[in-house]
Amino acid sequence: MSESEKTAKKPYIYPHRHCLYCGRIIEVKGRDYCLKCKPAYVKEQSKINRSKKFQRYLLYYIVAVFAILVLVALFA
């Protein structure tokens, strides 16, 4: 390597992220999607929240059924 190559400035690469849906570069912190893909993000988040709620209620149902079976077994 010659001296000119060592002293040559390298271009600065700006920190950035890519949209999870379309792959475009985004520079906004705290968001994983671009504004064009916001409806897709909102739709996916509502699906996730709905499935979490369903799982929570399913767990409550299983616990309630198990408790009822235990009570029936104790008093039978």
Protein backbone atom coordinates (compact mmCIF):
# COMPACT_ATOMS: atom_id res chain seq x y z
CA MET A 1 0.00 0.00 0.00
CA SER A 2 1.31 3.41 -0.88
CA GLU A 3 1.13 6.44 1.41
CA SER A 4 -1.63 8.03 -0.65
CA GLU A 5 -3.87 4.98 -0.22
CA LYS A 6 -3.31 4.94 3.54
CA THR A 7 -4.11 8.62 3.98
CA ALA A 8 -7.10 8.66 1.62
CA LYS A 9 -10.31 9.29 3.50
CA LYS A 10 -12.88 6.59 3.44
CA PRO A 11 -16.46 7.67 2.75
CA TYR A 12 -18.60 7.86 5.87
CA ILE A 13 -21.44 5.38 5.89
CA TYR A 14 -24.47 6.82 7.65
CA PRO A 15 -26.10 4.46 10.13
CA HIS A 16 -29.43 3.30 8.84
CA ARG A 17 -31.87 0.43 8.94
CA HIS A 18 -34.07 -1.19 6.36
CA CYS A 19 -37.85 -1.47 6.33
CA LEU A 20 -38.99 -4.94 7.35
CA TYR A 21 -41.62 -5.04 4.62
CA CYS A 22 -40.21 -3.40 1.49
CA GLY A 23 -36.48 -3.16 2.28
CA ARG A 24 -36.10 0.57 1.74
CA ILE A 25 -33.54 2.42 3.83
CA ILE A 26 -35.03 4.27 6.78
CA GLU A 27 -33.17 6.68 9.01
CA VAL A 28 -35.84 7.15 11.68
CA LYS A 29 -34.99 5.63 15.04
CA GLY A 30 -37.58 3.63 16.92
CA ARG A 31 -39.48 2.42 13.87
CA ASP A 32 -38.88 -0.75 11.84
CA TYR A 33 -41.00 0.22 8.84
CA CYS A 34 -41.30 3.09 6.37
CA LEU A 35 -44.41 5.25 6.19
CA LYS A 36 -45.50 3.50 3.01
CA CYS A 37 -45.64 0.18 4.89
CA LYS A 38 -47.38 1.47 8.01
CA PRO A 39 -50.75 -0.20 7.14
CA ALA A 40 -49.00 -3.57 6.82
CA TYR A 41 -47.29 -3.02 10.18
CA VAL A 42 -50.55 -2.06 11.89
CA LYS A 43 -52.29 -5.10 10.40
CA GLU A 44 -49.54 -7.44 11.59
CA GLN A 45 -49.55 -5.93 15.09
CA SER A 46 -53.32 -6.36 15.36
CA LYS A 47 -52.93 -10.03 14.37
CA ILE A 48 -50.24 -10.51 17.01
CA ASN A 49 -52.31 -8.79 19.71
CA ARG A 50 -55.39 -10.81 18.76
CA SER A 51 -53.46 -14.09 18.97
CA LYS A 52 -51.94 -13.11 22.36
CA LYS A 53 -55.41 -12.32 23.69
CA PHE A 54 -56.75 -15.64 22.38
CA GLN A 55 -53.88 -17.55 24.00
CA ARG A 56 -54.46 -15.78 27.32
CA TYR A 57 -58.19 -16.62 27.32
CA LEU A 58 -57.45 -20.20 26.28
CA LEU A 59 -55.10 -20.51 29.24
CA TYR A 60 -57.80 -19.15 31.57
CA TYR A 61 -60.28 -21.67 30.12
CA ILE A 62 -57.88 -24.59 30.64
CA VAL A 63 -57.16 -23.53 34.23
CA ALA A 64 -60.88 -23.14 34.96
CA VAL A 65 -61.72 -26.58 33.52
CA PHE A 66 -58.88 -28.15 35.48
CA ALA A 67 -60.06 -26.45 38.70
CA ILE A 68 -63.62 -27.70 38.13
CA LEU A 69 -62.37 -31.24 37.52
CA VAL A 70 -60.33 -31.12 40.72
CA LEU A 71 -63.33 -29.88 42.72
CA VAL A 72 -65.56 -32.60 41.26
CA ALA A 73 -62.95 -35.25 42.10
CA LEU A 74 -62.63 -34.01 45.69
CA PHE A 75 -66.35 -33.95 46.43
CA ALA A 76 -67.31 -37.09 44.52
